[in-house]
N, C-alpha and C. Protein backbone atom coordinates (compact mmCIF):
# COMPACT_ATOMS: atom_id res chain seq x y z
N UNK A 1 117.25 126.35 103.85
CA UNK A 1 116.18 126.53 104.40
C UNK A 1 116.24 126.47 105.89
N UNK A 2 116.74 126.96 106.76
CA UNK A 2 116.38 127.18 108.07
C UNK A 2 115.75 128.25 108.66
N UNK A 3 115.73 128.60 109.98
CA UNK A 3 115.04 128.79 110.60
C UNK A 3 116.27 129.83 111.41
N UNK A 4 115.47 131.30 111.49
CA UNK A 4 116.94 132.27 112.51
C UNK A 4 117.11 131.15 113.58
N UNK A 5 117.70 132.14 114.04
CA UNK A 5 118.54 131.50 115.35
C UNK A 5 117.31 132.16 116.61
N UNK A 6 116.60 132.96 116.39
CA UNK A 6 116.13 133.41 117.50
C UNK A 6 114.60 133.58 117.18
N UNK A 7 113.96 132.55 116.39
CA UNK A 7 112.42 131.49 115.94
C UNK A 7 112.27 131.42 117.13
N UNK A 8 110.76 132.43 117.18
CA UNK A 8 110.05 131.69 118.29
C UNK A 8 109.05 129.90 118.12
N UNK A 9 108.91 129.00 119.07
CA UNK A 9 108.17 127.92 118.50
C UNK A 9 106.74 128.15 118.03
N UNK A 10 106.22 127.53 117.26
CA UNK A 10 104.70 127.50 117.05
C UNK A 10 103.86 127.33 117.96
N UNK A 11 103.04 128.14 118.19
CA UNK A 11 101.79 128.41 118.90
C UNK A 11 100.83 127.54 118.58
N UNK A 12 100.37 127.19 119.85
CA UNK A 12 98.69 126.63 119.97
C UNK A 12 98.57 124.95 119.81
N UNK A 13 97.60 124.31 119.31
CA UNK A 13 97.84 122.55 119.44
C UNK A 13 98.66 122.26 118.42
N UNK A 14 99.21 120.81 118.53
CA UNK A 14 99.85 120.11 117.53
C UNK A 14 99.19 119.50 116.46
N UNK A 15 98.11 119.78 117.01
CA UNK A 15 96.82 118.92 115.70
C UNK A 15 95.53 119.56 116.02
N UNK A 16 94.71 119.77 115.13
CA UNK A 16 93.75 121.34 114.92
C UNK A 16 92.93 120.05 114.56
N UNK A 17 91.55 120.20 115.14
CA UNK A 17 90.54 119.39 114.73
C UNK A 17 89.52 120.19 114.32
N UNK A 18 88.50 119.67 113.83
CA UNK A 18 86.78 120.28 114.04
C UNK A 18 85.86 119.67 113.15
N UNK A 19 84.45 119.28 114.03
CA UNK A 19 83.77 117.93 113.65
C UNK A 19 83.11 118.38 111.92
N UNK A 20 83.18 117.73 111.57
CA UNK A 20 82.72 117.71 109.83
C UNK A 20 81.71 116.79 109.65
N UNK A 21 80.77 117.27 108.85
CA UNK A 21 79.49 116.48 108.28
C UNK A 21 78.79 115.80 109.32
N UNK A 22 77.98 116.22 110.38
CA UNK A 22 77.32 116.38 111.63
C UNK A 22 76.00 116.49 111.30
N UNK A 23 75.23 116.23 109.75
CA UNK A 23 74.35 116.22 109.63
C UNK A 23 73.90 114.56 108.85
N UNK A 24 73.22 113.36 108.86
CA UNK A 24 73.18 112.08 108.80
C UNK A 24 73.06 112.66 107.11
N UNK A 25 73.44 111.50 106.19
CA UNK A 25 72.91 111.36 104.23
C UNK A 25 71.81 111.23 104.41
N UNK A 26 70.68 111.82 103.16
CA UNK A 26 69.72 111.45 103.27
C UNK A 26 69.30 109.75 103.22
N UNK A 27 67.70 109.01 103.21
CA UNK A 27 67.70 107.61 103.11
C UNK A 27 68.03 107.76 101.48
N UNK A 28 68.16 106.48 100.60
CA UNK A 28 68.57 106.27 99.14
C UNK A 28 66.94 106.27 98.81
N UNK A 29 66.85 106.68 97.69
CA UNK A 29 65.49 106.83 96.86
C UNK A 29 64.60 105.19 96.94
N UNK A 30 63.33 105.36 96.85
CA UNK A 30 62.74 104.16 96.16
C UNK A 30 63.73 102.80 95.26
N UNK A 31 63.84 101.89 95.30
CA UNK A 31 64.44 100.85 94.69
C UNK A 31 66.52 101.31 94.03
N UNK A 32 66.46 102.50 94.51
CA UNK A 32 67.93 102.90 94.74
C UNK A 32 69.02 102.28 96.07
N UNK A 33 69.74 101.72 95.82
CA UNK A 33 70.90 101.38 96.97
C UNK A 33 71.60 102.02 97.39
N UNK A 34 72.07 101.99 98.28
CA UNK A 34 73.00 103.08 98.36
C UNK A 34 74.57 102.94 98.32
N UNK A 35 75.10 103.53 98.42
CA UNK A 35 76.98 103.56 97.57
C UNK A 35 77.61 103.08 98.65
N UNK A 36 78.86 102.33 98.45
CA UNK A 36 79.49 101.94 99.52
C UNK A 36 80.81 102.30 98.99
N UNK A 37 81.22 103.17 99.88
CA UNK A 37 82.37 104.23 100.48
C UNK A 37 83.50 103.13 100.70
N UNK A 38 85.04 102.65 100.09
CA UNK A 38 86.14 102.07 100.64
C UNK A 38 86.72 102.94 100.98
N UNK A 39 86.88 102.23 101.71
CA UNK A 39 88.74 103.36 102.41
C UNK A 39 89.57 103.09 101.77
N UNK A 40 90.23 104.14 101.45
CA UNK A 40 91.59 104.28 100.74
C UNK A 40 93.04 104.40 101.24
N UNK A 41 93.54 103.19 100.86
CA UNK A 41 95.28 102.80 101.67
C UNK A 41 96.53 103.78 101.52
N UNK A 42 97.03 104.39 102.28
CA UNK A 42 97.73 105.24 102.02
C UNK A 42 99.64 104.64 102.26
N UNK A 43 100.28 104.71 101.39
CA UNK A 43 101.52 103.88 102.12
C UNK A 43 102.90 105.31 101.71
N UNK A 44 103.30 105.95 103.24
CA UNK A 44 104.43 106.32 102.48
C UNK A 44 105.88 105.71 102.03
N UNK A 45 105.97 106.49 100.78
CA UNK A 45 106.88 105.68 100.21
C UNK A 45 107.67 106.45 99.50
N UNK A 46 109.57 106.24 99.23
CA UNK A 46 109.81 107.01 98.32
C UNK A 46 109.69 107.12 97.41
N UNK A 47 109.16 107.69 95.87
CA UNK A 47 109.09 107.00 95.11
C UNK A 47 109.81 108.23 93.53
N UNK A 48 110.41 109.16 94.36
CA UNK A 48 111.62 110.28 93.59
C UNK A 48 112.59 110.67 94.09
N UNK A 49 113.49 111.06 93.66
CA UNK A 49 114.59 111.45 94.40
C UNK A 49 114.54 113.04 94.68
N UNK A 50 113.60 113.39 93.67
CA UNK A 50 113.20 115.40 94.29
C UNK A 50 113.60 115.10 95.84
N UNK A 51 114.10 116.75 95.97
CA UNK A 51 114.42 116.85 97.73
C UNK A 51 112.99 117.12 98.12
N UNK A 52 112.55 116.67 99.49
CA UNK A 52 111.56 117.24 100.17
C UNK A 52 111.76 118.41 101.26
N UNK A 53 110.78 119.51 101.27
CA UNK A 53 110.84 120.77 101.85
C UNK A 53 110.18 120.45 102.99
N UNK A 54 111.05 120.97 104.22
CA UNK A 54 110.41 121.20 105.30
C UNK A 54 110.57 122.22 105.67
N UNK A 55 110.04 123.20 106.14
CA UNK A 55 110.55 124.86 107.30
C UNK A 55 109.23 124.61 108.30
N UNK A 56 109.92 124.31 109.51
CA UNK A 56 109.07 124.19 110.74
C UNK A 56 107.65 125.14 110.78
N UNK A 57 107.25 124.52 111.21
CA UNK A 57 105.72 125.22 110.55
C UNK A 57 105.01 126.39 109.82
N UNK A 58 105.87 125.93 108.42
CA UNK A 58 105.49 126.56 107.46
C UNK A 58 104.87 125.66 106.45
N UNK A 59 106.03 124.22 105.57
CA UNK A 59 105.66 124.01 105.25
C UNK A 59 106.36 122.51 105.33
N UNK A 60 105.02 121.23 104.92
CA UNK A 60 106.16 120.27 104.59
C UNK A 60 105.64 118.96 103.09
N UNK A 61 106.89 118.91 102.35
CA UNK A 61 106.74 118.17 101.55
C UNK A 61 107.29 116.95 101.10
N UNK A 62 106.50 115.86 100.57
CA UNK A 62 107.09 114.65 100.59
C UNK A 62 106.52 113.46 99.73
N UNK A 63 107.12 112.76 99.53
CA UNK A 63 106.26 112.08 98.07
C UNK A 63 105.20 110.58 99.10
N UNK A 64 104.18 110.22 98.51
CA UNK A 64 103.63 109.21 98.96
C UNK A 64 103.19 108.53 97.57
N UNK A 65 102.91 107.01 98.29
CA UNK A 65 102.32 105.88 97.14
C UNK A 65 100.71 105.45 97.95
N UNK A 66 99.98 105.87 96.52
CA UNK A 66 98.63 105.67 96.77
C UNK A 66 98.18 104.54 96.23
N UNK A 67 97.45 103.43 96.68
CA UNK A 67 97.28 101.98 96.46
C UNK A 67 95.98 102.52 96.36
N UNK A 68 95.80 102.54 95.14
CA UNK A 68 94.35 102.41 94.57
C UNK A 68 93.34 101.14 94.30
N UNK A 69 92.81 100.27 95.27
CA UNK A 69 92.70 99.09 95.42
C UNK A 69 90.31 99.37 95.08
N UNK A 70 89.98 100.86 94.75
CA UNK A 70 88.99 101.03 94.32
C UNK A 70 88.86 100.88 92.77
N UNK A 71 89.82 100.53 92.15
CA UNK A 71 89.16 100.89 90.87
C UNK A 71 89.34 98.90 90.09
N UNK A 72 88.53 98.75 89.53
CA UNK A 72 89.18 97.80 88.49
C UNK A 72 89.30 96.27 89.46
N UNK A 73 89.54 95.03 88.50
CA UNK A 73 89.74 93.83 89.37
C UNK A 73 91.19 93.20 89.08
N UNK A 74 92.17 94.23 89.71
CA UNK A 74 93.33 93.99 89.77
C UNK A 74 93.40 92.88 90.99
N UNK A 75 94.57 91.64 90.35
CA UNK A 75 95.41 90.59 91.40
C UNK A 75 96.17 91.38 92.45
N UNK A 76 96.88 92.62 91.85
CA UNK A 76 97.07 93.25 93.04
C UNK A 76 96.85 94.93 92.59
N UNK A 77 96.34 95.82 93.47
CA UNK A 77 96.11 97.12 93.06
C UNK A 77 97.06 97.82 92.74
N UNK A 78 96.46 99.05 91.82
CA UNK A 78 97.92 99.99 90.98
C UNK A 78 98.29 100.85 92.47
N UNK A 79 99.17 100.75 92.03
CA UNK A 79 100.16 101.93 92.97
C UNK A 79 100.51 102.93 92.38
N UNK A 80 100.05 104.46 92.58
CA UNK A 80 100.39 105.63 92.21
C UNK A 80 100.81 106.29 92.78
N UNK A 81 102.42 106.96 92.32
CA UNK A 81 103.21 107.91 92.92
C UNK A 81 102.49 108.86 93.28
N UNK A 82 102.75 110.06 94.20
CA UNK A 82 101.71 111.67 94.59
C UNK A 82 103.23 112.32 95.16
N UNK A 83 102.72 113.07 95.32
CA UNK A 83 103.03 114.18 96.15
C UNK A 83 102.52 115.01 97.00
N UNK A 84 103.00 114.75 98.27
CA UNK A 84 101.67 115.67 99.19
C UNK A 84 102.94 116.97 99.87
N UNK A 85 102.05 117.83 100.21
CA UNK A 85 102.59 119.43 100.50
C UNK A 85 101.39 119.40 101.61
N UNK A 86 101.85 119.45 102.77
CA UNK A 86 100.90 120.27 103.74
C UNK A 86 101.46 121.81 104.39
N UNK A 87 100.76 122.35 104.84
CA UNK A 87 100.95 123.53 105.32
C UNK A 87 99.98 123.82 106.50
N UNK A 88 100.07 125.09 106.80
CA UNK A 88 99.11 125.36 107.98
C UNK A 88 97.65 125.08 107.57
N UNK A 89 97.26 125.22 106.30
CA UNK A 89 95.60 125.00 106.80
C UNK A 89 95.30 124.30 105.82
N UNK A 90 96.00 123.89 104.46
CA UNK A 90 95.88 122.50 103.29
C UNK A 90 96.47 121.42 103.43
N UNK A 91 96.24 120.41 102.59
CA UNK A 91 96.87 119.09 103.07
C UNK A 91 96.46 118.99 100.99
N UNK A 92 97.15 118.97 100.43
CA UNK A 92 97.35 118.66 98.92
C UNK A 92 97.70 117.77 98.34
N UNK A 93 97.27 117.02 97.41
CA UNK A 93 97.97 115.35 96.86
C UNK A 93 97.90 115.57 95.52
N UNK A 94 99.49 115.84 95.26
CA UNK A 94 99.05 116.06 93.44
C UNK A 94 99.62 114.80 92.77
């Protein structure tokens, strides 16, 4: 999984950004309380011995451990192993 010796460097900016969610949320209905969205914590940690894929400017794949402090009343939040796959257009978490 290497690149050819005459491979060209990637074109464009290293990080692409775009605005999202520009319109404000509608106010809650009478008697209804707004939902609270808690932040999700993600730790990078090896959770398997499966080889990680990396091809410059094409795909990067690796292990994650997602800390789920948004569920239940646990003394220590559960940690869920996950696999992240990034390419030029998407970020997928399995």
